[in-house]
Amino acid sequence: MKKKQSSLADRIPPKAWLAISLIAALIVWTILSVLPTTSRSFPNAIVTIQQIKVMLDRGVLLTDIASSLISVSMGYILGFVLALPMAILMAWYLPVRNVIQPWILFIRNIPPLAYVPLIVMTVGVGRKPQVVVITIATFLTMCITIYQGVVNIDDTLIRAARVLGAKDRDIFVRVIAPASLPFILTAVRLGASTALTTLIAAESTGAIAGLGMRIRSLNSNYEAKPMLLYIIIIGIIGISVEKLIKFAERKLTGWQEKREL
C-alpha cells in the first residue's frame, strides 16, 4: 500500500505539488479568517490583497520595500565580504581559529534585538544601524558555514598537491576554492535568509522607512490587515531570493548530487 502511494506521489509534477500547497495554504488561511479567536489577526486573502492599494495610497509601500532591500543588500554583501576571508583564515591558521571562533560562537547566541540599542548608540539612527545589525548576523551565519566547508576538505587532496610542488596560492586556487564552492553557495543562501529574518530587529529602532519598521508601526496601531500584507511581502522576497541563489548553485555545482529540502 505504501509503495502505491509513493509511486503516485512521484508521478505528480513539482508544479502540481506547488499548486496543491498553495490551495492548502489558502484553505488554512480562510479557516483562520473566520474563526472568532483568529479572525482579527488573519483577515481573509481578498481583504489582505486590497491593502496593497491602501498602502500605495498612503505613499509608503514602495518606499518601504526599497528601503529594506537597500539595507538588506548592503548588510548582506558586507557580511559576505567579511565572512569569506575570516572563514578561510580560521580554517588554515590555528591561532586565528582559537582566538576568533569563541567570539563568533558567543555573539551568535545573542538575539540581534538585544544589541540593536548599543549599535544605535554607537553609530546613530537611520540606515547605518540597520546595515551594521544585518552585517553582523549574516557574517556569523556565513562565516561558520564556509569555515565548516574549508576545514573539512580532504587532507589527501592538499598533501597530494604539495607533493606535486604546488604552493599555497596554487593549493587555494586549484584545491580549496573548488572544493569549498558548494559550502560557499550554501552560506550565501543561508546568509540571505538570515538577512531577511534580521530585518525586523534591524529596523526596530531609528528607522524612518522599511518593511520591518512599518510592521512595528502597524502593530502599535493594531492594523492587522496591512501588517499581514507586509509579512507576506517579506516571505515572497525571501522565496524569490532563495530561488535565484539555488538556480545559481545548480549552474555552478551541477556535478554535485543534491536533494532539495
Protein backbone atom coordinates (compact mmCIF):
# COMPACT_ATOMS: atom_id res chain seq x y z
CA MET A 1 0.00 0.00 0.00
CA LYS A 2 2.81 2.40 0.89
CA LYS A 3 4.59 1.67 -2.39
CA LYS A 4 1.49 2.60 -4.41
CA GLN A 5 1.13 5.88 -2.53
CA SER A 6 4.81 6.66 -3.05
CA SER A 7 4.72 5.92 -6.78
CA LEU A 8 1.59 8.04 -7.20
CA ALA A 9 3.26 10.92 -5.40
CA ASP A 10 6.32 10.56 -7.60
CA ARG A 11 4.19 10.89 -10.74
CA ILE A 12 2.80 14.26 -9.66
CA PRO A 13 4.98 17.04 -11.16
CA PRO A 14 6.56 19.67 -8.88
CA LYS A 15 4.34 22.45 -10.25
CA ALA A 16 1.26 20.44 -9.34
CA TRP A 17 2.58 19.97 -5.81
CA LEU A 18 3.16 23.71 -5.61
CA ALA A 19 -0.44 24.34 -6.65
CA ILE A 20 -1.68 21.83 -4.06
CA SER A 21 0.44 23.53 -1.40
CA LEU A 22 -0.92 26.98 -2.29
CA ILE A 23 -4.51 25.71 -2.24
CA ALA A 24 -3.95 24.10 1.16
CA ALA A 25 -2.45 27.36 2.46
CA LEU A 26 -5.47 29.33 1.21
CA ILE A 27 -7.83 26.87 2.89
CA VAL A 28 -5.99 27.21 6.21
CA TRP A 29 -5.90 30.99 5.77
CA THR A 30 -9.65 31.09 5.10
CA ILE A 31 -10.38 28.97 8.17
CA LEU A 32 -8.25 31.27 10.34
CA SER A 33 -10.05 34.31 8.91
CA VAL A 34 -13.47 33.07 10.06
CA LEU A 35 -12.62 31.63 13.47
CA PRO A 36 -13.58 34.06 16.24
CA THR A 37 -10.22 33.72 18.02
CA THR A 38 -8.06 34.37 14.92
CA SER A 39 -10.22 36.40 12.52
CA ARG A 40 -8.85 39.73 13.78
CA SER A 41 -5.22 38.66 13.29
CA PHE A 42 -5.79 36.85 9.98
CA PRO A 43 -8.05 38.83 7.63
CA ASN A 44 -9.02 36.87 4.53
CA ALA A 45 -6.90 36.85 1.38
CA ILE A 46 -9.10 39.28 -0.58
CA VAL A 47 -9.04 41.90 2.19
CA THR A 48 -5.27 41.47 2.56
CA ILE A 49 -4.62 41.92 -1.16
CA GLN A 50 -6.77 45.07 -1.11
CA GLN A 51 -4.27 46.53 1.36
CA ILE A 52 -1.79 46.90 -1.50
CA LYS A 53 -3.86 49.81 -2.82
CA VAL A 54 -4.34 51.18 0.71
CA MET A 55 -0.61 51.29 1.38
CA LEU A 56 0.13 52.65 -2.10
CA ASP A 57 -2.37 55.43 -1.47
CA ARG A 58 -0.53 56.21 1.77
CA GLY A 59 2.63 56.50 -0.30
CA VAL A 60 4.70 54.12 1.83
CA LEU A 61 4.62 50.65 0.25
CA LEU A 62 7.22 51.08 -2.49
CA THR A 63 9.37 53.27 -0.24
CA ASP A 64 9.35 50.64 2.49
CA ILE A 65 10.24 47.83 0.08
CA ALA A 66 13.07 49.84 -1.49
CA SER A 67 14.46 50.93 1.87
CA SER A 68 14.52 47.38 3.24
CA LEU A 69 16.07 45.95 0.09
CA ILE A 70 18.85 48.54 0.23
CA SER A 71 19.60 47.83 3.89
CA VAL A 72 19.46 44.06 3.43
CA SER A 73 21.64 44.15 0.30
CA MET A 74 24.29 46.35 1.91
CA GLY A 75 24.44 44.32 5.12
CA TYR A 76 24.38 41.04 3.22
CA ILE A 77 27.23 41.99 0.88
CA LEU A 78 29.36 43.36 3.72
CA GLY A 79 28.69 40.22 5.76
CA PHE A 80 29.87 38.00 2.92
CA VAL A 81 32.94 40.12 2.17
CA LEU A 82 33.99 39.85 5.82
CA ALA A 83 32.97 36.21 6.32
CA LEU A 84 34.82 34.65 3.36
CA PRO A 85 38.40 35.65 4.28
CA MET A 86 37.77 35.18 8.00
CA ALA A 87 36.45 31.65 7.48
CA ILE A 88 39.48 30.74 5.36
CA LEU A 89 41.88 32.19 7.93
CA MET A 90 40.13 30.27 10.72
CA ALA A 91 40.35 27.04 8.75
CA TRP A 92 44.01 27.43 7.76
CA TYR A 93 45.57 29.05 10.83
CA LEU A 94 45.00 27.54 14.27
CA PRO A 95 45.85 30.71 16.26
CA VAL A 96 43.23 32.68 14.31
CA ARG A 97 40.69 29.92 14.89
CA ASN A 98 41.40 29.70 18.62
CA VAL A 99 41.01 33.47 19.07
CA ILE A 100 38.08 34.26 16.74
CA GLN A 101 35.88 31.17 16.99
CA PRO A 102 34.84 31.74 20.66
CA TRP A 103 33.82 35.30 19.78
CA ILE A 104 31.67 34.10 16.89
CA LEU A 105 30.03 31.37 18.96
CA PHE A 106 29.33 33.83 21.77
CA ILE A 107 27.80 36.60 19.63
CA ARG A 108 25.89 34.08 17.52
CA ASN A 109 23.83 33.08 20.58
CA ILE A 110 22.75 36.67 21.29
CA PRO A 111 19.49 37.74 19.58
CA PRO A 112 20.11 40.75 17.30
CA LEU A 113 17.31 42.65 19.06
CA ALA A 114 19.43 42.60 22.24
CA TYR A 115 22.34 44.58 20.81
CA VAL A 116 20.42 46.90 18.49
CA PRO A 117 20.26 49.69 21.15
CA LEU A 118 24.05 49.53 21.62
CA ILE A 119 24.60 49.84 17.89
CA VAL A 120 22.19 52.77 17.64
CA MET A 121 24.07 54.49 20.49
CA THR A 122 27.34 53.87 18.63
CA VAL A 123 26.53 54.77 15.01
CA GLY A 124 23.34 56.81 15.42
CA VAL A 125 19.92 56.41 13.84
CA GLY A 126 18.99 55.92 10.19
CA ARG A 127 20.31 53.28 7.82
CA LYS A 128 23.70 52.75 9.46
CA PRO A 129 22.49 50.68 12.45
CA GLN A 130 20.30 48.57 10.14
CA VAL A 131 23.26 47.73 7.91
CA VAL A 132 25.51 47.00 10.91
CA VAL A 133 22.99 44.64 12.53
CA ILE A 134 22.36 42.75 9.27
CA THR A 135 26.11 42.62 8.59
CA ILE A 136 26.79 41.05 11.99
CA ALA A 137 24.02 38.48 11.64
CA THR A 138 24.93 37.44 8.10
CA PHE A 139 28.65 37.41 8.89
CA LEU A 140 28.14 34.96 11.75
CA THR A 141 26.00 32.60 9.67
CA MET A 142 28.16 32.65 6.56
CA CYS A 143 31.49 32.53 8.39
CA ILE A 144 30.59 29.37 10.31
CA THR A 145 29.19 27.66 7.18
CA ILE A 146 32.19 28.48 4.98
CA TYR A 147 34.60 27.55 7.76
CA GLN A 148 33.00 24.11 8.12
CA GLY A 149 33.39 23.57 4.39
CA VAL A 150 37.04 24.62 4.22
CA VAL A 151 38.16 22.80 7.37
CA ASN A 152 36.57 19.53 6.22
CA ILE A 153 38.30 19.41 2.83
CA ASP A 154 40.05 16.07 2.39
CA ASP A 155 43.68 16.45 3.56
CA THR A 156 44.71 13.90 0.96
CA LEU A 157 43.99 16.41 -1.80
CA ILE A 158 46.11 19.07 -0.15
CA ARG A 159 49.01 16.68 0.57
CA ALA A 160 48.93 15.40 -3.00
CA ALA A 161 49.11 18.97 -4.30
CA ARG A 162 52.10 19.71 -2.07
CA VAL A 163 53.88 16.57 -3.24
CA LEU A 164 53.43 17.79 -6.80
CA GLY A 165 55.14 21.05 -5.82
CA ALA A 166 52.08 23.30 -5.50
CA LYS A 167 52.49 26.45 -3.45
CA ASP A 168 49.87 27.77 -1.00
CA ARG A 169 48.40 30.06 -3.66
CA ASP A 170 48.07 27.18 -6.15
CA ILE A 171 46.52 24.94 -3.49
CA PHE A 172 43.96 27.59 -2.67
CA VAL A 173 43.03 28.27 -6.29
CA ARG A 174 43.04 24.69 -7.58
CA VAL A 175 42.00 22.68 -4.50
CA ILE A 176 40.47 24.77 -1.70
CA ALA A 177 38.30 27.08 -3.80
CA PRO A 178 36.63 24.39 -5.97
CA ALA A 179 36.09 22.06 -3.01
CA SER A 180 34.66 24.88 -0.91
CA LEU A 181 32.33 26.27 -3.58
CA PRO A 182 29.26 24.21 -2.55
CA PHE A 183 29.68 25.37 1.05
CA ILE A 184 30.19 28.98 -0.03
CA LEU A 185 26.98 28.88 -2.05
CA THR A 186 25.15 27.28 0.87
CA ALA A 187 26.48 30.09 3.07
CA VAL A 188 25.24 32.65 0.53
CA ARG A 189 21.76 31.10 0.65
CA LEU A 190 21.67 30.88 4.45
CA GLY A 191 23.03 34.41 4.72
CA ALA A 192 20.23 35.77 2.56
CA SER A 193 17.66 34.09 4.78
CA THR A 194 19.39 35.44 7.90
CA ALA A 195 19.46 38.96 6.46
CA LEU A 196 15.70 38.94 5.94
CA THR A 197 14.88 37.39 9.32
CA THR A 198 17.07 40.02 10.99
CA LEU A 199 15.25 42.82 9.19
CA ILE A 200 12.62 43.33 11.90
CA ALA A 201 15.27 43.70 14.61
CA ALA A 202 17.46 45.90 12.39
CA GLU A 203 14.62 48.34 11.73
CA SER A 204 13.26 48.30 15.26
CA THR A 205 15.00 51.50 16.35
CA GLY A 206 15.52 54.74 14.48
CA ALA A 207 14.27 53.63 11.05
CA ILE A 208 12.10 56.08 9.11
CA ALA A 209 11.05 53.56 6.44
CA GLY A 210 11.23 49.85 5.75
CA LEU A 211 9.16 46.68 5.95
CA GLY A 212 10.24 45.88 9.50
CA MET A 213 9.71 49.44 10.70
CA ARG A 214 6.24 49.53 9.12
CA ILE A 215 5.23 46.21 10.68
CA ARG A 216 6.20 47.58 14.09
CA SER A 217 4.25 50.79 13.43
CA LEU A 218 1.16 48.94 12.20
CA ASN A 219 1.33 46.62 15.18
CA SER A 220 1.32 49.62 17.52
CA ASN A 221 -1.87 50.83 15.82
CA TYR A 222 -3.46 47.35 15.74
CA GLU A 223 -3.72 47.43 11.94
CA ALA A 224 -3.67 43.69 11.25
CA LYS A 225 -4.68 43.87 7.57
CA PRO A 226 -1.72 45.83 6.17
CA MET A 227 0.60 44.20 8.72
CA LEU A 228 -0.22 40.75 7.33
CA LEU A 229 0.39 42.09 3.82
CA TYR A 230 3.87 43.28 4.82
CA ILE A 231 4.69 39.92 6.43
CA ILE A 232 3.67 38.15 3.21
CA ILE A 233 5.82 40.55 1.15
CA ILE A 234 8.87 39.66 3.25
CA GLY A 235 8.13 35.98 2.65
CA ILE A 236 7.78 36.50 -1.10
CA ILE A 237 11.07 38.39 -1.25
CA GLY A 238 12.76 35.62 0.74
CA ILE A 239 11.47 32.84 -1.51
CA SER A 240 12.42 34.78 -4.66
CA VAL A 241 15.98 35.37 -3.44
CA GLU A 242 16.36 31.73 -2.39
CA LYS A 243 15.15 30.52 -5.80
CA LEU A 244 17.67 32.76 -7.57
CA ILE A 245 20.52 31.54 -5.37
CA LYS A 246 19.52 27.89 -5.83
CA PHE A 247 19.44 28.43 -9.59
CA ALA A 248 22.99 29.81 -9.48
CA GLU A 249 24.00 26.97 -7.18
CA ARG A 250 22.74 24.36 -9.65
CA LYS A 251 24.63 26.04 -12.50
CA LEU A 252 27.90 26.25 -10.58
CA THR A 253 27.77 22.89 -8.79
CA GLY A 254 25.77 20.76 -11.21
CA TRP A 255 28.27 17.95 -10.74
CA GLN A 256 27.31 17.54 -7.10
CA GLU A 257 24.39 15.27 -6.25
CA LYS A 258 21.87 17.00 -4.01
CA ARG A 259 18.46 16.53 -2.52
CA GLU A 260 16.26 19.59 -2.19
CA LEU A 261 14.54 20.22 1.12
